[in-house]
């Protein structure tokens, strides 16, 4: 008998899990299920549009999807088109890899005002995620405040200040590019609670900020330490040293004669977003770092702005039929095992942390559980799923369909851009007629 495995979610965690199962159980069948017509999740909709090199991991995932034992069921949503109970009834094992696509709350007064947007939402908008096509963020402001000191915060700032020419090789949607070009934005403030040595930027991302055509990276030298200090982990010490050197270079170069600026502001905790219906300023409390934590000093200042983007982390939502830890926003599991035949991988398992490849061990772990504990039970797998979806008149997008969508995007691109993304599901489906 054949072992049938369903993987719900086709971002990195889902594909790593599918690949691990196929390698450990060569004669199994693996079905990849995604609520969107497009596979690849975070790679397509989370990686910055001007970072095409990072997106090349899709080639490996494409190879997995083309395996003879694999099928892609796109445009199929768990809980809407098929239930978890139905999947469990028809598959020997189900792996949940739905990620963490929602923004963490900032937890400060005023965060519900117009002009306050979470980075998951904003990144989804500039990456052509269908959920955010009509976001229309208020870019009619000179100042933007980005709260956060990680790579997502830097991505947001960079996209806001890059020129069309600098984005020529990206897959930034035209309506996003046009909106940014129309905006009067001149200053973007990247603000972190802690200091430069606690920031989570990778050095490659940080250095890019000093190479922009019309935007200068601005750093207050008083916020930089003379040296990194004692760091036990050698790899971490090297990263901190590189980042400190880069920030010192920004100080040396100054704002130059550029029309835009990205300000790196450290030791500042947001306490209130001020304004009427719309954000008009962010009030911060100056902080110092004690034992790795930001501690308020009682000194306050404000940065006027009309747009606030919070890049402070993502969170998962509950999945119908699964237990949920509402405090940590994860599905509780024992090393990825929720119950017999039911597993979680990626951010829904452990929270939003790490880089793309960090999800790989979760897939291997799930595959090992399946090898050790799951036996084929003669379940119908994809045949039953296909019948259910046909009865419910769900327009399933196959992997061959996705390839047609992708080919249409590539054909519509203005070179050197690699593709012109469809921004709505109806547009994607129309490409198949």
Protein backbone atom coordinates (compact mmCIF):
# COMPACT_ATOMS: atom_id res chain seq x y z
CA UNK A 1 0.00 0.00 0.00
CA UNK A 2 1.06 3.59 -0.64
CA UNK A 3 1.55 6.07 2.18
CA UNK A 4 -0.43 9.28 1.53
CA UNK A 5 0.79 12.56 3.05
CA UNK A 6 -0.84 16.00 2.83
CA UNK A 7 1.19 19.15 3.40
CA UNK A 8 -0.89 22.28 4.06
CA UNK A 9 1.08 25.41 3.16
CA UNK A 10 3.69 25.68 0.41
CA UNK A 11 6.19 28.12 1.81
CA UNK A 12 9.72 27.01 2.74
CA UNK A 13 8.58 24.89 5.70
CA UNK A 14 6.03 23.04 3.58
CA UNK A 15 8.46 22.35 0.75
CA UNK A 16 11.26 21.27 3.08
CA UNK A 17 8.82 18.87 4.74
CA UNK A 18 7.61 17.48 1.41
CA UNK A 19 11.20 16.99 0.22
CA UNK A 20 12.19 15.23 3.45
CA UNK A 21 9.22 12.86 3.26
CA UNK A 22 9.90 12.02 -0.40
CA UNK A 23 13.53 11.25 0.37
CA UNK A 24 12.77 9.09 3.40
CA UNK A 25 9.77 7.30 1.84
CA UNK A 26 10.43 7.17 -1.92
CA UNK A 27 7.22 5.28 -2.78
CA UNK A 28 4.84 7.62 -0.92
CA UNK A 29 2.50 10.24 -2.39
CA UNK A 30 2.72 13.84 -1.17
CA UNK A 31 0.06 16.45 -1.89
CA UNK A 32 0.87 20.14 -1.42
CA UNK A 33 -2.16 22.28 -0.56
CA UNK A 34 -2.20 26.08 -0.60
CA UNK A 35 -5.01 28.61 -0.29
CA UNK A 36 -3.46 30.72 -3.07
CA UNK A 37 -3.03 29.69 -6.71
CA UNK A 38 0.71 30.34 -6.30
CA UNK A 39 3.19 28.17 -4.40
CA UNK A 40 6.31 29.27 -2.47
CA UNK A 41 4.66 31.41 0.24
CA UNK A 42 7.21 33.62 1.96
CA UNK A 43 9.64 33.37 -0.96
CA UNK A 44 7.14 34.98 -3.32
CA UNK A 45 5.41 37.30 -0.89
CA UNK A 46 7.92 37.98 1.90
CA UNK A 47 11.38 38.28 0.35
CA UNK A 48 12.02 41.85 -0.83
CA UNK A 49 11.31 42.36 -4.57
CA UNK A 50 14.85 43.66 -5.18
CA UNK A 51 16.44 40.56 -3.62
CA UNK A 52 16.00 38.18 -6.52
CA UNK A 53 19.04 36.12 -5.55
CA UNK A 54 17.28 35.04 -2.35
CA UNK A 55 14.30 33.92 -4.40
CA UNK A 56 16.43 31.39 -6.28
CA UNK A 57 15.60 28.82 -3.61
CA UNK A 58 12.35 28.46 -5.56
CA UNK A 59 14.30 26.39 -8.09
CA UNK A 60 14.89 23.68 -5.49
CA UNK A 61 11.23 23.81 -4.42
CA UNK A 62 10.16 23.63 -8.07
CA UNK A 63 12.16 20.43 -8.42
CA UNK A 64 10.30 18.93 -5.46
CA UNK A 65 6.93 19.95 -6.88
CA UNK A 66 7.76 18.24 -10.19
CA UNK A 67 8.46 14.88 -8.51
CA UNK A 68 6.20 12.16 -9.90
CA UNK A 69 4.78 11.40 -6.44
CA UNK A 70 3.89 15.05 -5.81
CA UNK A 71 0.71 16.98 -6.60
CA UNK A 72 -0.09 20.66 -6.03
CA UNK A 73 -3.60 21.67 -5.03
CA UNK A 74 -3.59 25.47 -5.27
CA UNK A 75 -6.50 27.80 -4.55
CA UNK A 76 -7.68 25.36 -1.87
CA UNK A 77 -8.16 26.77 1.62
CA UNK A 78 -8.15 24.66 4.76
CA UNK A 79 -11.36 25.31 6.69
CA UNK A 80 -13.16 26.78 3.66
CA UNK A 81 -12.81 24.16 0.95
CA UNK A 82 -11.76 21.16 2.99
CA UNK A 83 -11.62 20.52 6.73
CA UNK A 84 -8.74 19.15 8.76
CA UNK A 85 -10.91 16.20 9.76
CA UNK A 86 -11.50 15.40 6.09
CA UNK A 87 -7.78 15.52 5.35
CA UNK A 88 -7.01 13.26 8.30
CA UNK A 89 -9.70 10.83 7.20
CA UNK A 90 -8.20 10.54 3.73
CA UNK A 91 -4.45 10.81 4.38
CA UNK A 92 -2.15 8.72 6.52
CA UNK A 93 -0.31 11.84 7.71
CA UNK A 94 -1.04 15.57 7.60
CA UNK A 95 1.68 18.21 7.99
CA UNK A 96 0.58 21.77 8.79
CA UNK A 97 2.94 24.44 7.44
CA UNK A 98 0.75 27.54 7.32
CA UNK A 99 3.36 29.93 8.72
CA UNK A 100 2.79 33.20 10.55
CA UNK A 101 1.40 35.76 8.16
CA UNK A 102 -0.11 38.23 10.61
CA UNK A 103 1.44 41.19 12.39
CA UNK A 104 2.19 41.30 16.08
CA UNK A 105 0.46 44.15 17.86
CA UNK A 106 2.71 47.04 18.84
CA UNK A 107 0.98 47.34 22.20
CA UNK A 108 1.02 51.14 22.33
CA UNK A 109 -1.84 53.66 22.40
CA UNK A 110 -2.78 54.90 18.95
CA UNK A 111 -1.72 51.84 16.98
CA UNK A 112 -5.20 51.56 15.44
CA UNK A 113 -5.02 54.98 13.79
CA UNK A 114 -5.00 55.34 10.04
CA UNK A 115 -1.44 55.38 8.80
CA UNK A 116 -0.22 52.66 11.19
CA UNK A 117 0.49 49.47 9.26
CA UNK A 118 2.19 46.23 10.25
CA UNK A 119 5.14 45.09 8.16
CA UNK A 120 3.48 41.79 7.14
CA UNK A 121 0.69 43.84 5.59
CA UNK A 122 2.99 46.45 4.03
CA UNK A 123 5.40 43.83 2.67
CA UNK A 124 2.44 41.91 1.29
CA UNK A 125 1.32 45.07 -0.53
CA UNK A 126 4.64 45.74 -2.22
CA UNK A 127 5.08 42.04 -3.00
CA UNK A 128 1.72 41.74 -4.82
CA UNK A 129 0.03 39.48 -2.27
CA UNK A 130 -3.64 39.29 -3.33
CA UNK A 131 -4.81 39.92 0.26
CA UNK A 132 -3.23 43.39 0.20
CA UNK A 133 -3.76 44.55 -3.39
CA UNK A 134 -6.08 47.35 -2.29
CA UNK A 135 -4.17 48.46 0.82
CA UNK A 136 -3.45 51.94 -0.57
CA UNK A 137 -1.12 53.02 2.27
CA UNK A 138 -1.02 56.76 2.96
CA UNK A 139 2.31 57.71 1.43
CA UNK A 140 1.44 61.43 1.34
CA UNK A 141 3.95 62.29 4.04
CA UNK A 142 7.55 63.50 4.18
CA UNK A 143 8.44 61.40 7.22
CA UNK A 144 7.93 57.66 7.74
CA UNK A 145 8.72 55.88 11.00
CA UNK A 146 9.60 52.18 10.84
CA UNK A 147 9.62 50.58 14.27
CA UNK A 148 12.05 47.67 14.34
CA UNK A 149 15.73 46.89 13.91
CA UNK A 150 15.72 43.78 11.75
CA UNK A 151 16.00 42.92 8.08
CA UNK A 152 12.29 43.40 7.44
CA UNK A 153 12.53 46.97 8.74
CA UNK A 154 15.51 47.63 6.45
CA UNK A 155 13.65 46.09 3.50
CA UNK A 156 10.71 48.43 4.06
CA UNK A 157 12.95 51.50 4.29
CA UNK A 158 14.97 50.55 1.23
CA UNK A 159 11.90 49.95 -0.96
CA UNK A 160 10.50 53.35 0.07
CA UNK A 161 13.61 55.29 -1.00
CA UNK A 162 14.96 53.41 -4.00
CA UNK A 163 14.53 54.91 -7.45
CA UNK A 164 12.74 53.22 -10.35
CA UNK A 165 16.12 52.61 -11.96
CA UNK A 166 17.40 50.92 -8.81
CA UNK A 167 14.31 48.69 -8.80
CA UNK A 168 14.53 47.81 -12.51
CA UNK A 169 15.64 44.22 -11.83
CA UNK A 170 13.03 43.72 -9.11
CA UNK A 171 9.49 42.43 -9.42
CA UNK A 172 7.91 45.40 -7.66
CA UNK A 173 4.33 45.84 -8.95
CA UNK A 174 3.82 48.90 -11.14
CA UNK A 175 1.03 50.34 -8.99
CA UNK A 176 3.38 50.17 -5.97
CA UNK A 177 6.26 51.77 -7.86
CA UNK A 178 3.99 54.56 -9.09
CA UNK A 179 2.62 55.23 -5.59
CA UNK A 180 6.14 55.48 -4.15
CA UNK A 181 7.26 57.80 -6.95
CA UNK A 182 4.29 60.11 -6.33
CA UNK A 183 4.94 60.30 -2.61
CA UNK A 184 6.79 63.25 -1.03
CA UNK A 185 8.75 60.96 1.31
CA UNK A 186 12.20 62.35 2.12
CA UNK A 187 13.03 60.85 5.52
CA UNK A 188 12.58 57.33 6.85
CA UNK A 189 13.39 56.68 10.52
CA UNK A 190 14.37 53.15 11.52
CA UNK A 191 13.86 53.06 15.27
CA UNK A 192 14.89 50.30 17.67
CA UNK A 193 14.38 49.87 21.41
CA UNK A 194 17.88 48.63 21.99
CA UNK A 195 21.31 49.57 20.66
CA UNK A 196 23.22 48.91 17.44
CA UNK A 197 24.88 45.83 18.92
CA UNK A 198 21.48 44.25 19.60
CA UNK A 199 20.06 45.03 16.15
CA UNK A 200 19.20 42.01 13.99
CA UNK A 201 20.35 43.36 10.62
CA UNK A 202 22.53 41.10 8.52
CA UNK A 203 25.55 42.99 7.26
CA UNK A 204 24.68 42.53 3.60
CA UNK A 205 21.32 44.22 4.19
CA UNK A 206 22.88 46.98 6.27
CA UNK A 207 25.62 47.79 3.75
CA UNK A 208 23.04 48.22 0.99
CA UNK A 209 21.74 51.29 2.80
CA UNK A 210 25.02 53.08 2.11
CA UNK A 211 24.86 52.37 -1.63
CA UNK A 212 21.56 54.01 -2.58
CA UNK A 213 21.42 56.57 -5.38
CA UNK A 214 19.35 59.32 -3.80
CA UNK A 215 19.17 58.29 -0.14
CA UNK A 216 21.84 58.64 2.53
CA UNK A 217 22.16 56.49 5.65
CA UNK A 218 22.28 58.74 8.73
CA UNK A 219 23.64 57.63 12.12
CA UNK A 220 24.21 59.61 15.31
CA UNK A 221 27.82 58.77 16.30
CA UNK A 222 26.93 59.26 19.96
CA UNK A 223 24.81 56.10 19.78
CA UNK A 224 27.69 53.92 18.58
CA UNK A 225 30.07 52.14 20.97
CA UNK A 226 33.81 52.27 20.42
CA UNK A 227 34.02 48.50 20.16
CA UNK A 228 31.77 45.45 20.18
CA UNK A 229 32.83 44.31 23.63
CA UNK A 230 32.74 40.74 24.90
CA UNK A 231 30.60 38.34 22.86
CA UNK A 232 30.87 34.62 23.58
CA UNK A 233 29.74 33.33 20.20
CA UNK A 234 32.46 33.94 17.61
CA UNK A 235 30.07 34.09 14.66
CA UNK A 236 27.87 36.59 16.47
CA UNK A 237 30.90 38.67 17.41
CA UNK A 238 32.02 38.88 13.77
CA UNK A 239 28.56 39.97 12.65
CA UNK A 240 28.40 42.68 15.31
CA UNK A 241 31.87 43.89 14.35
CA UNK A 242 30.89 44.13 10.68
CA UNK A 243 27.69 46.00 11.53
CA UNK A 244 29.52 48.42 13.81
CA UNK A 245 32.11 49.11 11.10
CA UNK A 246 29.36 49.73 8.56
CA UNK A 247 27.49 52.11 10.87
CA UNK A 248 30.73 54.02 11.50
CA UNK A 249 31.18 54.33 7.74
CA UNK A 250 27.72 55.86 7.51
CA UNK A 251 28.80 58.45 10.09
CA UNK A 252 31.91 59.28 8.08
CA UNK A 253 30.01 59.73 4.85
CA UNK A 254 27.28 61.81 6.46
CA UNK A 255 24.08 62.75 4.66
CA UNK A 256 26.02 63.89 1.60
CA UNK A 257 24.04 65.91 -0.93
CA UNK A 258 21.23 63.42 -1.33
CA UNK A 259 17.54 64.23 -1.44
CA UNK A 260 16.43 61.46 0.93
CA UNK A 261 17.67 60.04 4.19
CA UNK A 262 17.28 56.84 6.19
CA UNK A 263 17.92 57.59 9.86
CA UNK A 264 19.11 54.80 12.16
CA UNK A 265 17.77 55.61 15.62
CA UNK A 266 18.66 53.37 18.56
CA UNK A 267 17.73 53.25 22.26
CA UNK A 268 14.17 54.46 21.71
CA UNK A 269 10.98 52.65 22.80
CA UNK A 270 7.63 53.71 21.27
CA UNK A 271 5.12 54.76 23.92
CA UNK A 272 2.34 56.41 21.89
CA UNK A 273 1.26 57.10 18.32
CA UNK A 274 -0.19 60.59 18.38
CA UNK A 275 -2.70 62.34 16.15
CA UNK A 276 -6.42 62.44 15.42
CA UNK A 277 -7.87 59.77 13.16
CA UNK A 278 -4.50 59.49 11.43
CA UNK A 279 -1.01 59.15 12.85
CA UNK A 280 0.81 62.47 13.10
CA UNK A 281 3.82 61.57 15.26
CA UNK A 282 5.35 58.81 17.34
CA UNK A 283 6.36 59.54 20.92
CA UNK A 284 9.41 57.61 22.13
CA UNK A 285 11.10 57.14 25.48
CA UNK A 286 14.87 57.06 25.38
CA UNK A 287 16.22 53.81 26.71
CA UNK A 288 19.39 52.12 27.85
CA UNK A 289 20.23 48.43 27.63
CA UNK A 290 20.55 46.46 30.86
CA UNK A 291 21.16 42.71 30.70
CA UNK A 292 20.00 42.71 27.12
CA UNK A 293 16.73 44.51 27.83
CA UNK A 294 15.65 48.05 27.01
CA UNK A 295 14.99 50.10 30.15
CA UNK A 296 13.29 53.49 29.99
CA UNK A 297 15.18 56.58 31.13
CA UNK A 298 12.21 58.92 31.59
CA UNK A 299 13.32 61.15 28.72
CA UNK A 300 10.90 61.49 25.80
CA UNK A 301 10.98 62.81 22.25
CA UNK A 302 8.74 62.77 19.17
CA UNK A 303 9.21 62.12 15.45
CA UNK A 304 6.49 63.74 13.29
CA UNK A 305 5.21 61.44 10.55
CA UNK A 306 2.14 60.47 8.57
CA UNK A 307 2.98 56.77 8.22
CA UNK A 308 4.14 54.29 10.85
CA UNK A 309 5.18 50.76 9.90
CA UNK A 310 5.67 48.32 12.75
CA UNK A 311 8.26 45.66 11.96
CA UNK A 312 8.30 43.94 15.32
CA UNK A 313 7.45 40.38 14.37
CA UNK A 314 4.78 38.12 12.98
CA UNK A 315 2.27 35.76 14.56
CA UNK A 316 0.23 32.75 13.54
CA UNK A 317 -3.54 32.47 13.79
CA UNK A 318 -5.41 29.44 15.17
CA UNK A 319 -6.10 26.59 12.75
CA UNK A 320 -9.56 25.04 13.05
CA UNK A 321 -9.27 21.60 14.59
CA UNK A 322 -5.84 22.18 16.15
CA UNK A 323 -4.88 23.19 19.68
CA UNK A 324 -3.40 26.67 19.92
CA UNK A 325 -1.09 28.43 22.34
CA UNK A 326 -2.57 31.94 22.26
CA UNK A 327 0.33 33.40 24.23
CA UNK A 328 3.09 32.23 21.89
CA UNK A 329 0.89 32.01 18.77
CA UNK A 330 1.92 28.45 17.93
CA UNK A 331 0.38 25.00 17.80
CA UNK A 332 1.71 23.04 20.79
CA UNK A 333 3.54 19.90 19.78
CA UNK A 334 6.04 17.34 20.95
CA UNK A 335 8.99 17.87 18.62
CA UNK A 336 6.55 18.72 15.83
CA UNK A 337 4.08 15.92 16.60
CA UNK A 338 0.62 17.17 17.59
CA UNK A 339 -0.99 13.71 17.65
CA UNK A 340 -0.72 10.45 15.73
CA UNK A 341 -0.44 11.30 12.05
CA UNK A 342 -0.62 15.08 12.59
CA UNK A 343 2.44 17.32 12.52
CA UNK A 344 3.46 20.97 12.43
CA UNK A 345 6.54 22.55 10.87
CA UNK A 346 7.94 26.05 10.49
CA UNK A 347 6.61 29.14 12.17
CA UNK A 348 3.28 27.62 13.21
CA UNK A 349 5.38 25.13 15.19
CA UNK A 350 8.07 27.33 16.75
CA UNK A 351 7.20 30.96 16.08
CA UNK A 352 8.61 33.40 13.48
CA UNK A 353 12.35 33.06 13.84
CA UNK A 354 15.40 32.31 11.75
CA UNK A 355 16.05 32.47 8.03
CA UNK A 356 14.57 30.42 5.18
CA UNK A 357 16.81 27.40 5.75
CA UNK A 358 15.98 27.37 9.48
CA UNK A 359 12.79 25.56 8.47
CA UNK A 360 14.65 22.59 6.98
CA UNK A 361 15.20 20.64 10.26
CA UNK A 362 11.47 20.81 11.01
CA UNK A 363 10.73 18.95 7.79
CA UNK A 364 13.32 16.30 8.55
CA UNK A 365 11.87 15.90 12.04
CA UNK A 366 8.33 15.44 10.70
CA UNK A 367 9.58 12.89 8.16
CA UNK A 368 11.29 10.91 10.91
CA UNK A 369 8.07 10.86 12.95
CA UNK A 370 6.17 9.55 9.93
CA UNK A 371 8.74 6.86 9.18
CA UNK A 372 8.72 5.68 12.77
CA UNK A 373 5.03 5.85 13.56
CA UNK A 374 2.81 5.94 10.47
CA UNK A 375 1.90 2.96 8.32
CA UNK A 376 -0.16 2.96 5.10
CA UNK A 377 -3.81 2.32 5.89
CA UNK A 378 -5.25 2.10 2.39
CA UNK A 379 -6.57 5.65 2.45
CA UNK A 380 -7.57 7.29 -0.82
CA UNK A 381 -5.42 10.43 -0.44
CA UNK A 382 -5.49 12.76 -3.45
CA UNK A 383 -8.24 10.83 -5.20
CA UNK A 384 -10.62 11.52 -2.33
CA UNK A 385 -9.48 15.14 -2.06
CA UNK A 386 -10.01 15.70 -5.79
CA UNK A 387 -13.54 14.24 -5.55
CA UNK A 388 -14.43 16.43 -2.57
CA UNK A 389 -13.18 19.59 -4.26
CA UNK A 390 -14.96 18.75 -7.51
CA UNK A 391 -18.23 18.21 -5.64
CA UNK A 392 -17.76 21.62 -4.00
CA UNK A 393 -16.93 23.24 -7.35
CA UNK A 394 -13.55 24.48 -6.15
CA UNK A 395 -11.33 25.75 -8.98
CA UNK A 396 -8.21 23.79 -8.15
CA UNK A 397 -4.95 25.15 -9.57
CA UNK A 398 -2.54 22.35 -10.50
CA UNK A 399 1.21 22.77 -10.73
CA UNK A 400 0.89 22.84 -14.52
CA UNK A 401 -1.64 25.65 -14.08
CA UNK A 402 0.81 27.52 -11.87
CA UNK A 403 3.47 27.17 -14.55
CA UNK A 404 1.08 28.84 -17.01
CA UNK A 405 0.49 31.68 -14.54
CA UNK A 406 4.23 32.06 -14.05
CA UNK A 407 4.86 32.04 -17.82
CA UNK A 408 2.26 34.79 -18.28
CA UNK A 409 3.95 36.90 -15.57
CA UNK A 410 7.36 36.44 -17.18
CA UNK A 411 6.00 37.30 -20.62
CA UNK A 412 4.40 40.51 -19.30
CA UNK A 413 7.59 41.76 -17.62
CA UNK A 414 9.47 44.83 -18.78
CA UNK A 415 13.08 43.68 -18.85
CA UNK A 416 15.26 43.47 -16.82
CA UNK A 417 12.44 42.79 -14.33
CA UNK A 418 12.01 39.00 -14.04
CA UNK A 419 8.21 39.05 -13.96
CA UNK A 420 5.17 41.24 -13.70
CA UNK A 421 3.16 39.67 -10.92
CA UNK A 422 -0.58 39.26 -11.04
CA UNK A 423 -1.95 41.01 -7.99
CA UNK A 424 -5.38 39.36 -7.64
CA UNK A 425 -6.60 35.78 -7.73
CA UNK A 426 -9.13 36.48 -10.56
CA UNK A 427 -6.22 37.75 -12.70
CA UNK A 428 -4.29 34.56 -12.02
CA UNK A 429 -7.24 32.35 -12.88
CA UNK A 430 -7.99 34.37 -16.00
CA UNK A 431 -4.50 33.51 -17.27
CA UNK A 432 -5.64 29.87 -17.38
CA UNK A 433 -8.59 30.40 -19.72
